[in-house]
Amino acid sequence: LAALTRLAQEAGVEVLELAPGALRAEGSHDTLPVRIVARGGYQSSGAFLMRVRQELPDFAVVGFQLAGSPENPGAPADLRFDLEWHAAREARAGAGADTRP
């Protein structure tokens, strides 16, 4: 989760809330939903999602919302990113270690 925060900051996205959901077992892997509430612009949002795809390929984007103000188009927008982390069980099994990013 620290890696997500770092990538967001580097892209110019201000993280207001980062909330992991309940871990789900799905076939040969586990899925951890992660919701990020943030502020930023359209370009910084795109830069963040591109960096997630490049540097954290085991994350999937399952939702994205952007709400701006037409009265103040230069102001940062309200953002919401819904991601899922897909982790192989054997990657998490070693010595009970928590390997969440």
N, C-alpha and C. Protein backbone atom coordinates (compact mmCIF):
# COMPACT_ATOMS: atom_id res chain seq x y z
N LEU A 1 0.82 -1.19 0.00
CA LEU A 1 0.00 0.00 0.00
C LEU A 1 0.87 1.26 0.00
N ALA A 2 2.03 1.16 0.59
CA ALA A 2 2.95 2.29 0.58
C ALA A 2 3.38 2.61 -0.85
N ALA A 3 3.54 1.59 -1.69
CA ALA A 3 3.93 1.81 -3.08
C ALA A 3 2.85 2.58 -3.83
N LEU A 4 1.58 2.29 -3.55
CA LEU A 4 0.49 3.04 -4.19
C LEU A 4 0.52 4.51 -3.80
N THR A 5 0.73 4.77 -2.52
CA THR A 5 0.80 6.16 -2.05
C THR A 5 1.97 6.88 -2.70
N ARG A 6 3.11 6.22 -2.77
CA ARG A 6 4.30 6.83 -3.39
C ARG A 6 4.03 7.16 -4.86
N LEU A 7 3.47 6.21 -5.60
CA LEU A 7 3.19 6.44 -7.02
C LEU A 7 2.19 7.59 -7.21
N ALA A 8 1.19 7.66 -6.36
CA ALA A 8 0.21 8.75 -6.44
C ALA A 8 0.90 10.09 -6.20
N GLN A 9 1.70 10.18 -5.17
CA GLN A 9 2.38 11.44 -4.87
C GLN A 9 3.31 11.85 -6.00
N GLU A 10 4.04 10.88 -6.55
CA GLU A 10 4.95 11.18 -7.66
C GLU A 10 4.21 11.66 -8.90
N ALA A 11 2.97 11.24 -9.07
CA ALA A 11 2.16 11.65 -10.22
C ALA A 11 1.42 12.97 -9.98
N GLY A 12 1.46 13.47 -8.74
CA GLY A 12 0.77 14.71 -8.42
C GLY A 12 -0.65 14.50 -7.91
N VAL A 13 -0.94 13.29 -7.44
CA VAL A 13 -2.26 12.98 -6.87
C VAL A 13 -2.13 13.01 -5.35
N GLU A 14 -2.98 13.79 -4.69
CA GLU A 14 -2.99 13.88 -3.23
C GLU A 14 -3.92 12.82 -2.66
N VAL A 15 -3.36 11.84 -1.97
CA VAL A 15 -4.15 10.76 -1.37
C VAL A 15 -4.78 11.28 -0.08
N LEU A 16 -6.10 11.22 -0.02
CA LEU A 16 -6.84 11.62 1.19
C LEU A 16 -7.20 10.40 2.04
N GLU A 17 -7.45 9.28 1.37
CA GLU A 17 -7.81 8.05 2.08
C GLU A 17 -7.38 6.86 1.24
N LEU A 18 -6.79 5.88 1.89
CA LEU A 18 -6.43 4.62 1.24
C LEU A 18 -6.96 3.52 2.13
N ALA A 19 -7.94 2.76 1.63
CA ALA A 19 -8.63 1.79 2.48
C ALA A 19 -8.65 0.41 1.82
N PRO A 20 -7.89 -0.54 2.39
CA PRO A 20 -7.99 -1.91 1.87
C PRO A 20 -9.29 -2.54 2.34
N GLY A 21 -9.84 -3.41 1.50
CA GLY A 21 -11.06 -4.13 1.85
C GLY A 21 -10.72 -5.51 2.40
N ALA A 22 -11.70 -6.38 2.38
CA ALA A 22 -11.53 -7.74 2.90
C ALA A 22 -10.87 -8.62 1.84
N LEU A 23 -9.87 -9.38 2.26
CA LEU A 23 -9.16 -10.31 1.38
C LEU A 23 -10.11 -11.43 0.97
N ARG A 24 -10.15 -11.73 -0.34
CA ARG A 24 -11.01 -12.79 -0.87
C ARG A 24 -10.16 -13.86 -1.53
N ALA A 25 -10.46 -15.12 -1.25
CA ALA A 25 -9.81 -16.24 -1.92
C ALA A 25 -10.53 -16.47 -3.24
N GLU A 26 -9.77 -16.51 -4.33
CA GLU A 26 -10.35 -16.69 -5.66
C GLU A 26 -9.46 -17.63 -6.46
N GLY A 27 -9.84 -18.90 -6.55
CA GLY A 27 -9.05 -19.86 -7.32
C GLY A 27 -7.66 -20.02 -6.74
N SER A 28 -6.65 -19.78 -7.57
CA SER A 28 -5.26 -19.97 -7.14
C SER A 28 -4.65 -18.72 -6.53
N HIS A 29 -5.43 -17.66 -6.39
CA HIS A 29 -4.89 -16.42 -5.84
C HIS A 29 -5.87 -15.79 -4.85
N ASP A 30 -5.37 -14.78 -4.17
CA ASP A 30 -6.20 -13.98 -3.28
C ASP A 30 -6.35 -12.59 -3.91
N THR A 31 -7.48 -11.95 -3.63
CA THR A 31 -7.74 -10.61 -4.14
C THR A 31 -8.01 -9.68 -2.97
N LEU A 32 -7.30 -8.56 -2.97
CA LEU A 32 -7.48 -7.53 -1.94
C LEU A 32 -7.99 -6.26 -2.62
N PRO A 33 -9.25 -5.87 -2.39
CA PRO A 33 -9.74 -4.60 -2.93
C PRO A 33 -9.07 -3.43 -2.19
N VAL A 34 -8.78 -2.37 -2.93
CA VAL A 34 -8.18 -1.18 -2.34
C VAL A 34 -8.91 0.03 -2.93
N ARG A 35 -9.45 0.88 -2.05
CA ARG A 35 -10.11 2.12 -2.48
C ARG A 35 -9.21 3.30 -2.12
N ILE A 36 -9.00 4.17 -3.09
CA ILE A 36 -8.22 5.38 -2.87
C ILE A 36 -9.10 6.58 -3.16
N VAL A 37 -9.25 7.46 -2.19
CA VAL A 37 -9.94 8.73 -2.37
C VAL A 37 -8.85 9.79 -2.40
N ALA A 38 -8.91 10.67 -3.42
CA ALA A 38 -7.80 11.59 -3.62
C ALA A 38 -8.28 12.88 -4.27
N ARG A 39 -7.33 13.79 -4.50
CA ARG A 39 -7.58 15.03 -5.23
C ARG A 39 -6.46 15.19 -6.24
N GLY A 40 -6.84 15.70 -7.41
CA GLY A 40 -5.85 15.92 -8.45
C GLY A 40 -6.52 16.22 -9.76
N GLY A 41 -5.72 16.29 -10.80
CA GLY A 41 -6.23 16.60 -12.13
C GLY A 41 -6.35 15.36 -12.99
N TYR A 42 -6.94 15.56 -14.17
CA TYR A 42 -7.13 14.46 -15.10
C TYR A 42 -5.78 13.89 -15.54
N GLN A 43 -4.83 14.77 -15.89
CA GLN A 43 -3.53 14.30 -16.35
C GLN A 43 -2.77 13.57 -15.25
N SER A 44 -2.82 14.09 -14.01
CA SER A 44 -2.13 13.41 -12.92
C SER A 44 -2.78 12.06 -12.61
N SER A 45 -4.10 11.96 -12.79
CA SER A 45 -4.80 10.68 -12.59
C SER A 45 -4.32 9.66 -13.61
N GLY A 46 -4.23 10.09 -14.86
CA GLY A 46 -3.74 9.20 -15.91
C GLY A 46 -2.31 8.77 -15.67
N ALA A 47 -1.47 9.71 -15.21
CA ALA A 47 -0.08 9.39 -14.92
C ALA A 47 0.01 8.37 -13.79
N PHE A 48 -0.82 8.54 -12.76
CA PHE A 48 -0.83 7.59 -11.65
C PHE A 48 -1.23 6.20 -12.12
N LEU A 49 -2.32 6.10 -12.88
CA LEU A 49 -2.78 4.79 -13.36
C LEU A 49 -1.75 4.14 -14.28
N MET A 50 -1.07 4.92 -15.09
CA MET A 50 -0.03 4.37 -15.97
C MET A 50 1.12 3.81 -15.13
N ARG A 51 1.52 4.53 -14.10
CA ARG A 51 2.60 4.06 -13.23
C ARG A 51 2.20 2.80 -12.47
N VAL A 52 0.95 2.73 -12.01
CA VAL A 52 0.47 1.52 -11.33
C VAL A 52 0.58 0.34 -12.29
N ARG A 53 0.15 0.53 -13.52
CA ARG A 53 0.18 -0.55 -14.52
C ARG A 53 1.62 -0.99 -14.79
N GLN A 54 2.54 -0.04 -14.87
CA GLN A 54 3.94 -0.34 -15.18
C GLN A 54 4.68 -0.98 -14.00
N GLU A 55 4.48 -0.45 -12.81
CA GLU A 55 5.29 -0.84 -11.66
C GLU A 55 4.62 -1.86 -10.74
N LEU A 56 3.31 -1.96 -10.80
CA LEU A 56 2.57 -2.89 -9.94
C LEU A 56 1.61 -3.71 -10.80
N PRO A 57 2.14 -4.57 -11.67
CA PRO A 57 1.28 -5.27 -12.63
C PRO A 57 0.29 -6.24 -12.00
N ASP A 58 0.43 -6.55 -10.72
CA ASP A 58 -0.53 -7.43 -10.06
C ASP A 58 -1.73 -6.66 -9.51
N PHE A 59 -1.82 -5.37 -9.81
CA PHE A 59 -2.99 -4.55 -9.47
C PHE A 59 -3.85 -4.37 -10.71
N ALA A 60 -5.15 -4.41 -10.53
CA ALA A 60 -6.10 -4.15 -11.61
C ALA A 60 -6.96 -2.95 -11.23
N VAL A 61 -7.24 -2.09 -12.18
CA VAL A 61 -8.16 -0.97 -11.97
C VAL A 61 -9.56 -1.48 -12.28
N VAL A 62 -10.44 -1.43 -11.29
CA VAL A 62 -11.81 -1.89 -11.49
C VAL A 62 -12.82 -0.74 -11.47
N GLY A 63 -12.35 0.46 -11.11
CA GLY A 63 -13.22 1.62 -11.12
C GLY A 63 -12.43 2.90 -10.99
N PHE A 64 -12.96 3.96 -11.59
CA PHE A 64 -12.32 5.28 -11.51
C PHE A 64 -13.41 6.33 -11.63
N GLN A 65 -13.40 7.29 -10.72
CA GLN A 65 -14.35 8.40 -10.77
C GLN A 65 -13.60 9.71 -10.63
N LEU A 66 -14.04 10.71 -11.39
CA LEU A 66 -13.46 12.04 -11.33
C LEU A 66 -14.61 13.03 -11.32
N ALA A 67 -14.63 13.91 -10.33
CA ALA A 67 -15.68 14.92 -10.23
C ALA A 67 -15.02 16.28 -10.07
N GLY A 68 -15.17 17.12 -11.08
CA GLY A 68 -14.60 18.46 -11.04
C GLY A 68 -15.68 19.50 -10.86
N SER A 69 -15.24 20.75 -10.83
CA SER A 69 -16.16 21.86 -10.66
C SER A 69 -16.18 22.69 -11.95
N PRO A 70 -17.29 22.71 -12.69
CA PRO A 70 -17.34 23.51 -13.91
C PRO A 70 -17.13 25.00 -13.66
N GLU A 71 -17.49 25.46 -12.46
CA GLU A 71 -17.31 26.87 -12.12
C GLU A 71 -15.84 27.22 -11.90
N ASN A 72 -15.03 26.21 -11.57
CA ASN A 72 -13.61 26.44 -11.29
C ASN A 72 -12.79 25.33 -11.95
N PRO A 73 -12.66 25.37 -13.27
CA PRO A 73 -12.02 24.25 -13.97
C PRO A 73 -10.56 24.04 -13.63
N GLY A 74 -9.89 25.02 -13.06
CA GLY A 74 -8.49 24.86 -12.69
C GLY A 74 -8.27 24.22 -11.34
N ALA A 75 -9.34 24.04 -10.57
CA ALA A 75 -9.22 23.46 -9.22
C ALA A 75 -9.04 21.95 -9.32
N PRO A 76 -8.32 21.37 -8.36
CA PRO A 76 -8.18 19.90 -8.35
C PRO A 76 -9.55 19.23 -8.25
N ALA A 77 -9.66 18.09 -8.90
CA ALA A 77 -10.92 17.33 -8.90
C ALA A 77 -10.91 16.31 -7.76
N ASP A 78 -12.10 15.88 -7.38
CA ASP A 78 -12.25 14.78 -6.44
C ASP A 78 -12.10 13.48 -7.23
N LEU A 79 -11.26 12.58 -6.73
CA LEU A 79 -10.94 11.34 -7.43
C LEU A 79 -11.25 10.14 -6.56
N ARG A 80 -11.61 9.05 -7.22
CA ARG A 80 -11.74 7.77 -6.52
C ARG A 80 -11.22 6.69 -7.46
N PHE A 81 -10.28 5.90 -6.94
CA PHE A 81 -9.72 4.78 -7.66
C PHE A 81 -10.11 3.51 -6.92
N ASP A 82 -10.71 2.56 -7.62
CA ASP A 82 -11.01 1.25 -7.05
C ASP A 82 -10.08 0.25 -7.72
N LEU A 83 -9.19 -0.32 -6.93
CA LEU A 83 -8.18 -1.24 -7.43
C LEU A 83 -8.36 -2.60 -6.76
N GLU A 84 -7.77 -3.61 -7.36
CA GLU A 84 -7.69 -4.93 -6.75
C GLU A 84 -6.27 -5.44 -6.90
N TRP A 85 -5.74 -5.97 -5.80
CA TRP A 85 -4.42 -6.59 -5.82
C TRP A 85 -4.62 -8.09 -5.90
N HIS A 86 -4.06 -8.71 -6.92
CA HIS A 86 -4.16 -10.15 -7.13
C HIS A 86 -2.82 -10.77 -6.75
N ALA A 87 -2.82 -11.58 -5.68
CA ALA A 87 -1.59 -12.16 -5.16
C ALA A 87 -1.69 -13.68 -5.14
N ALA A 88 -0.67 -14.34 -5.68
CA ALA A 88 -0.62 -15.80 -5.63
C ALA A 88 -0.47 -16.23 -4.18
N ARG A 89 -1.18 -17.26 -3.80
CA ARG A 89 -1.14 -17.72 -2.41
C ARG A 89 0.27 -18.13 -2.00
N GLU A 90 1.00 -18.81 -2.88
CA GLU A 90 2.34 -19.25 -2.51
C GLU A 90 3.28 -18.07 -2.27
N ALA A 91 3.01 -16.93 -2.89
CA ALA A 91 3.82 -15.73 -2.67
C ALA A 91 3.62 -15.17 -1.27
N ARG A 92 2.43 -15.44 -0.69
CA ARG A 92 2.13 -14.92 0.64
C ARG A 92 2.36 -15.93 1.73
N ALA A 93 2.66 -17.17 1.39
CA ALA A 93 2.68 -18.25 2.37
C ALA A 93 3.96 -18.30 3.20
N GLY A 94 5.05 -17.75 2.72
CA GLY A 94 6.33 -17.89 3.42
C GLY A 94 6.36 -17.29 4.81
N ALA A 95 6.52 -18.13 5.80
CA ALA A 95 6.73 -17.72 7.20
C ALA A 95 5.64 -16.80 7.73
N GLY A 96 4.47 -16.87 7.17
CA GLY A 96 3.37 -16.02 7.67
C GLY A 96 3.59 -14.55 7.39
N ALA A 97 4.45 -14.23 6.46
CA ALA A 97 4.76 -12.83 6.16
C ALA A 97 3.60 -12.16 5.45
N ASP A 98 3.35 -10.92 5.75
CA ASP A 98 2.37 -10.12 5.05
C ASP A 98 3.10 -9.41 3.94
N THR A 99 2.80 -9.76 2.68
CA THR A 99 3.53 -9.20 1.55
C THR A 99 2.72 -8.15 0.81
N ARG A 100 1.69 -7.61 1.43
CA ARG A 100 0.92 -6.57 0.76
C ARG A 100 1.83 -5.39 0.46
N PRO A 101 1.67 -4.78 -0.73
CA PRO A 101 2.52 -3.63 -1.09
C PRO A 101 2.25 -2.44 -0.23
